[in-house]
N, C-alpha and C. Protein backbone atom coordinates (compact mmCIF):
# COMPACT_ATOMS: atom_id res chain seq x y z
N MET A 1 16.57 -3.47 2.48
CA MET A 1 15.75 -4.00 2.76
C MET A 1 15.36 -5.02 2.51
N SER A 2 14.66 -5.66 3.48
CA SER A 2 14.21 -6.79 2.91
C SER A 2 12.78 -7.02 3.30
N ALA A 3 12.01 -8.22 2.69
CA ALA A 3 10.74 -8.05 2.68
C ALA A 3 10.23 -9.48 3.02
N VAL A 4 8.67 -9.97 3.34
CA VAL A 4 8.42 -11.08 3.31
C VAL A 4 7.37 -11.47 2.31
N PHE A 5 7.56 -12.66 1.83
CA PHE A 5 6.43 -12.93 0.33
C PHE A 5 5.81 -13.65 0.92
N ALA A 6 4.31 -13.26 1.09
CA ALA A 6 2.93 -13.71 1.16
C ALA A 6 2.21 -14.24 0.45
N LEU A 7 2.25 -15.77 0.15
CA LEU A 7 1.71 -16.42 -0.74
C LEU A 7 0.09 -16.78 -0.42
N LYS A 8 -0.71 -16.59 -1.09
CA LYS A 8 -2.01 -16.70 -0.78
C LYS A 8 -2.73 -17.92 -1.09
N ARG A 9 -3.12 -18.96 -0.39
CA ARG A 9 -3.30 -19.91 -0.79
C ARG A 9 -5.02 -20.06 -0.85
N SER A 10 -5.54 -19.56 -0.04
CA SER A 10 -6.69 -19.59 -0.42
C SER A 10 -7.50 -18.32 0.13
N ASN A 11 -8.82 -17.97 0.48
CA ASN A 11 -9.36 -16.79 0.84
C ASN A 11 -8.74 -16.83 2.17
N SER A 12 -8.65 -17.67 3.27
CA SER A 12 -8.09 -17.44 4.37
C SER A 12 -6.87 -17.83 4.77
N THR A 13 -5.89 -18.45 4.12
CA THR A 13 -4.54 -19.19 4.16
C THR A 13 -3.89 -17.98 3.45
N VAL A 14 -2.25 -17.98 4.08
CA VAL A 14 -1.10 -17.32 3.70
C VAL A 14 -0.49 -17.90 4.15
N ARG A 15 0.76 -18.37 3.32
CA ARG A 15 2.16 -18.83 3.29
C ARG A 15 2.65 -17.68 3.25
N TYR A 16 4.10 -17.45 4.23
CA TYR A 16 5.04 -16.77 4.63
C TYR A 16 6.27 -17.27 4.07
N CYS A 17 6.99 -16.85 2.96
CA CYS A 17 8.70 -17.02 2.90
C CYS A 17 9.28 -16.73 2.97
N PHE A 18 10.35 -16.98 3.82
CA PHE A 18 11.47 -15.88 3.49
C PHE A 18 12.79 -16.77 3.93
N GLU A 19 14.17 -16.28 3.58
CA GLU A 19 15.59 -16.72 4.34
C GLU A 19 15.98 -15.76 5.24
N ALA A 20 16.78 -16.50 6.16
CA ALA A 20 16.96 -15.58 7.59
C ALA A 20 18.38 -15.98 7.83
N ASP A 21 19.28 -15.51 8.40
CA ASP A 21 20.57 -15.83 8.79
C ASP A 21 19.87 -16.95 9.80
N ALA A 22 20.83 -18.05 10.13
CA ALA A 22 21.07 -18.90 10.56
C ALA A 22 21.29 -18.93 12.13
N GLU A 23 19.98 -18.23 12.96
CA GLU A 23 20.57 -17.88 14.27
C GLU A 23 19.23 -18.36 14.88
N PRO A 24 19.84 -18.62 16.27
CA PRO A 24 18.94 -19.18 17.54
C PRO A 24 17.47 -18.70 17.52
N ALA A 25 17.53 -17.15 17.22
CA ALA A 25 16.10 -16.41 17.80
C ALA A 25 14.92 -16.29 16.78
N VAL A 26 15.32 -16.43 15.47
CA VAL A 26 15.15 -15.67 14.34
C VAL A 26 13.49 -16.23 14.03
N LEU A 27 13.79 -18.22 14.23
CA LEU A 27 12.27 -18.61 14.22
C LEU A 27 11.14 -18.27 15.31
N SER A 28 11.98 -18.17 16.32
CA SER A 28 11.35 -17.84 17.28
C SER A 28 10.26 -16.80 17.67
N ARG A 29 11.08 -15.33 17.17
CA ARG A 29 10.57 -14.29 16.82
C ARG A 29 9.65 -14.39 16.07
N ALA A 30 10.01 -15.26 14.71
CA ALA A 30 8.78 -15.13 13.66
C ALA A 30 7.41 -15.71 14.27
N LEU A 31 7.75 -16.66 14.81
CA LEU A 31 6.73 -17.41 15.36
C LEU A 31 5.79 -16.27 16.71
N GLU A 32 6.29 -15.85 17.58
CA GLU A 32 6.17 -14.74 18.63
C GLU A 32 5.09 -13.34 18.10
N LEU A 33 5.23 -13.23 16.88
CA LEU A 33 5.10 -12.12 15.89
C LEU A 33 3.18 -12.85 15.46
N LEU A 34 2.97 -14.24 15.41
CA LEU A 34 1.80 -14.86 15.38
C LEU A 34 1.24 -15.16 16.64
N ALA A 35 1.62 -15.37 17.40
CA ALA A 35 1.77 -15.58 19.12
C ALA A 35 0.67 -14.51 19.62
N LYS A 36 1.15 -13.37 19.22
CA LYS A 36 1.15 -12.21 20.10
C LYS A 36 -0.12 -11.66 19.57
N ARG A 37 -0.46 -12.08 18.23
CA ARG A 37 -2.27 -11.87 17.64
C ARG A 37 -2.87 -12.90 17.86
N GLY A 38 -2.77 -14.10 18.50
CA GLY A 38 -3.45 -14.91 19.18
C GLY A 38 -3.58 -16.01 17.81
N LEU A 39 -2.76 -16.37 17.27
CA LEU A 39 -2.86 -17.05 15.84
C LEU A 39 -1.55 -18.51 16.05
N VAL A 40 -2.19 -19.41 15.50
CA VAL A 40 -1.54 -20.95 15.59
C VAL A 40 -1.20 -20.89 14.17
N PRO A 41 0.34 -21.31 13.71
CA PRO A 41 0.60 -21.50 12.27
C PRO A 41 -0.15 -23.38 12.09
N ALA A 42 -1.00 -22.99 11.26
CA ALA A 42 -0.76 -24.40 10.41
C ALA A 42 0.05 -25.41 10.30
N ARG A 43 1.13 -24.70 9.80
CA ARG A 43 2.00 -25.55 9.21
C ARG A 43 3.49 -25.17 9.57
N VAL A 44 4.78 -25.23 9.78
CA VAL A 44 5.87 -24.52 9.59
C VAL A 44 6.70 -25.31 9.12
N PHE A 45 8.04 -24.71 8.35
CA PHE A 45 8.73 -25.57 7.68
C PHE A 45 10.37 -24.82 8.07
N ALA A 46 11.28 -25.56 8.77
CA ALA A 46 12.34 -24.79 8.49
C ALA A 46 13.26 -25.55 8.18
N GLN A 47 14.92 -24.93 7.36
CA GLN A 47 15.60 -25.79 7.00
C GLN A 47 16.58 -24.69 7.09
N SER A 48 17.59 -25.32 7.60
CA SER A 48 18.78 -24.64 7.86
C SER A 48 20.22 -25.35 7.18
N VAL A 49 20.90 -24.66 6.11
CA VAL A 49 21.78 -25.22 5.51
C VAL A 49 22.80 -23.78 5.46
N ASP A 50 24.10 -24.35 6.14
CA ASP A 50 25.42 -23.61 6.36
C ASP A 50 24.83 -22.39 7.10
N ASP A 51 25.05 -21.01 6.71
CA ASP A 51 24.43 -19.61 7.31
C ASP A 51 23.20 -19.31 7.38
N LEU A 52 22.26 -20.49 6.30
CA LEU A 52 21.08 -19.48 5.82
C LEU A 52 20.05 -20.66 6.66
N LEU A 53 18.77 -19.79 6.99
CA LEU A 53 17.81 -20.42 7.13
C LEU A 53 16.28 -20.49 6.41
N SER A 54 15.73 -21.49 5.49
CA SER A 54 15.12 -21.41 5.20
C SER A 54 13.30 -21.22 5.44
N VAL A 55 12.58 -20.18 5.67
CA VAL A 55 11.40 -20.65 6.55
C VAL A 55 10.05 -20.24 5.34
N GLU A 56 8.99 -21.35 6.11
CA GLU A 56 8.17 -20.88 5.21
C GLU A 56 6.96 -21.52 6.72
N ILE A 57 5.89 -20.21 6.50
CA ILE A 57 5.24 -20.47 7.82
C ILE A 57 3.86 -20.16 7.19
N GLU A 58 2.53 -21.15 7.36
CA GLU A 58 0.89 -21.00 6.52
C GLU A 58 -0.05 -20.84 8.06
N VAL A 59 -0.44 -19.54 7.64
CA VAL A 59 -1.58 -19.68 8.78
C VAL A 59 -2.29 -19.21 8.09
N GLU A 60 -3.94 -19.29 8.81
CA GLU A 60 -5.19 -19.24 8.60
C GLU A 60 -6.49 -18.78 9.61
N GLY A 61 -6.95 -18.39 8.45
CA GLY A 61 -7.94 -17.72 9.19
C GLY A 61 -7.66 -15.70 9.14
N LEU A 62 -6.79 -15.60 7.97
CA LEU A 62 -6.51 -14.07 8.42
C LEU A 62 -6.92 -13.13 7.22
N SER A 63 -7.63 -11.82 8.04
CA SER A 63 -7.80 -10.95 7.17
C SER A 63 -6.95 -10.48 6.27
N PRO A 64 -7.20 -10.19 4.94
CA PRO A 64 -6.41 -9.25 4.33
C PRO A 64 -5.47 -8.66 4.97
N ASP A 65 -6.01 -7.74 5.57
CA ASP A 65 -5.44 -6.48 6.35
C ASP A 65 -4.15 -6.83 7.43
N THR A 66 -4.57 -8.11 8.46
CA THR A 66 -4.06 -8.60 9.09
C THR A 66 -2.88 -9.59 8.50
N ALA A 67 -2.75 -10.42 7.15
CA ALA A 67 -2.03 -10.76 6.58
C ALA A 67 -0.73 -10.16 5.73
N GLU A 68 -1.28 -8.59 5.27
CA GLU A 68 -0.47 -8.00 5.10
C GLU A 68 0.36 -7.03 6.68
N HIS A 69 -0.51 -6.53 7.21
CA HIS A 69 0.43 -6.23 8.91
C HIS A 69 1.56 -7.43 9.12
N VAL A 70 1.28 -8.49 9.35
CA VAL A 70 2.08 -9.81 9.70
C VAL A 70 3.44 -9.79 8.90
N GLY A 71 3.27 -9.44 7.42
CA GLY A 71 3.96 -9.78 6.64
C GLY A 71 4.93 -8.83 6.86
N LEU A 72 4.74 -7.45 6.89
CA LEU A 72 5.72 -6.26 7.31
C LEU A 72 6.40 -6.54 8.38
N CYS A 73 5.51 -6.90 9.64
CA CYS A 73 6.76 -7.24 10.69
C CYS A 73 7.58 -8.45 10.60
N LEU A 74 7.08 -9.59 9.94
CA LEU A 74 7.80 -10.64 9.63
C LEU A 74 9.38 -10.20 8.81
N GLY A 75 9.16 -9.17 8.01
CA GLY A 75 10.40 -8.47 7.08
C GLY A 75 10.80 -7.82 7.89
N GLN A 76 10.73 -7.23 9.70
CA GLN A 76 11.81 -6.38 10.08
C GLN A 76 12.27 -6.92 11.15
N ILE A 77 11.96 -8.16 11.21
CA ILE A 77 12.46 -9.51 12.12
C ILE A 77 13.97 -8.77 11.86
N VAL A 78 15.53 -8.57 12.81
CA VAL A 78 16.62 -8.63 12.77
C VAL A 78 17.33 -9.86 12.14
N GLY A 79 17.69 -10.11 10.68
CA GLY A 79 18.94 -11.23 10.39
C GLY A 79 17.53 -11.83 9.42
N VAL A 80 16.79 -11.46 9.16
CA VAL A 80 15.72 -11.90 7.76
C VAL A 80 16.40 -11.13 6.65
N ARG A 81 16.61 -11.97 5.65
CA ARG A 81 17.66 -11.45 4.35
C ARG A 81 16.83 -11.05 3.31
N GLN A 82 16.37 -12.20 2.69
CA GLN A 82 15.04 -11.84 1.29
C GLN A 82 13.95 -13.18 1.53
N THR A 83 13.28 -12.44 0.42
CA THR A 83 12.08 -13.53 0.08
C THR A 83 12.43 -14.26 -0.50
N PHE A 84 11.87 -15.92 -1.06
CA PHE A 84 12.13 -16.53 -1.97
C PHE A 84 10.53 -17.07 -2.73
């Protein structure tokens, strides 16, 4: 079972960090979860090395409940391996 690490940077900013299989749809699926909720990331960083994709997504203005729910949903994306 994989999970997503959510690092609280301030009262309303959350950084999600995860590693996933380096497949074309992983990043778009993660961003789609935010778009469905009307959220635009403040910052997105993704780096692919061999077969591994490291992703950091920063989102501002989230309530604690929404931040937790988004983190759980990110962890359920096919291809997400682990947190870091």
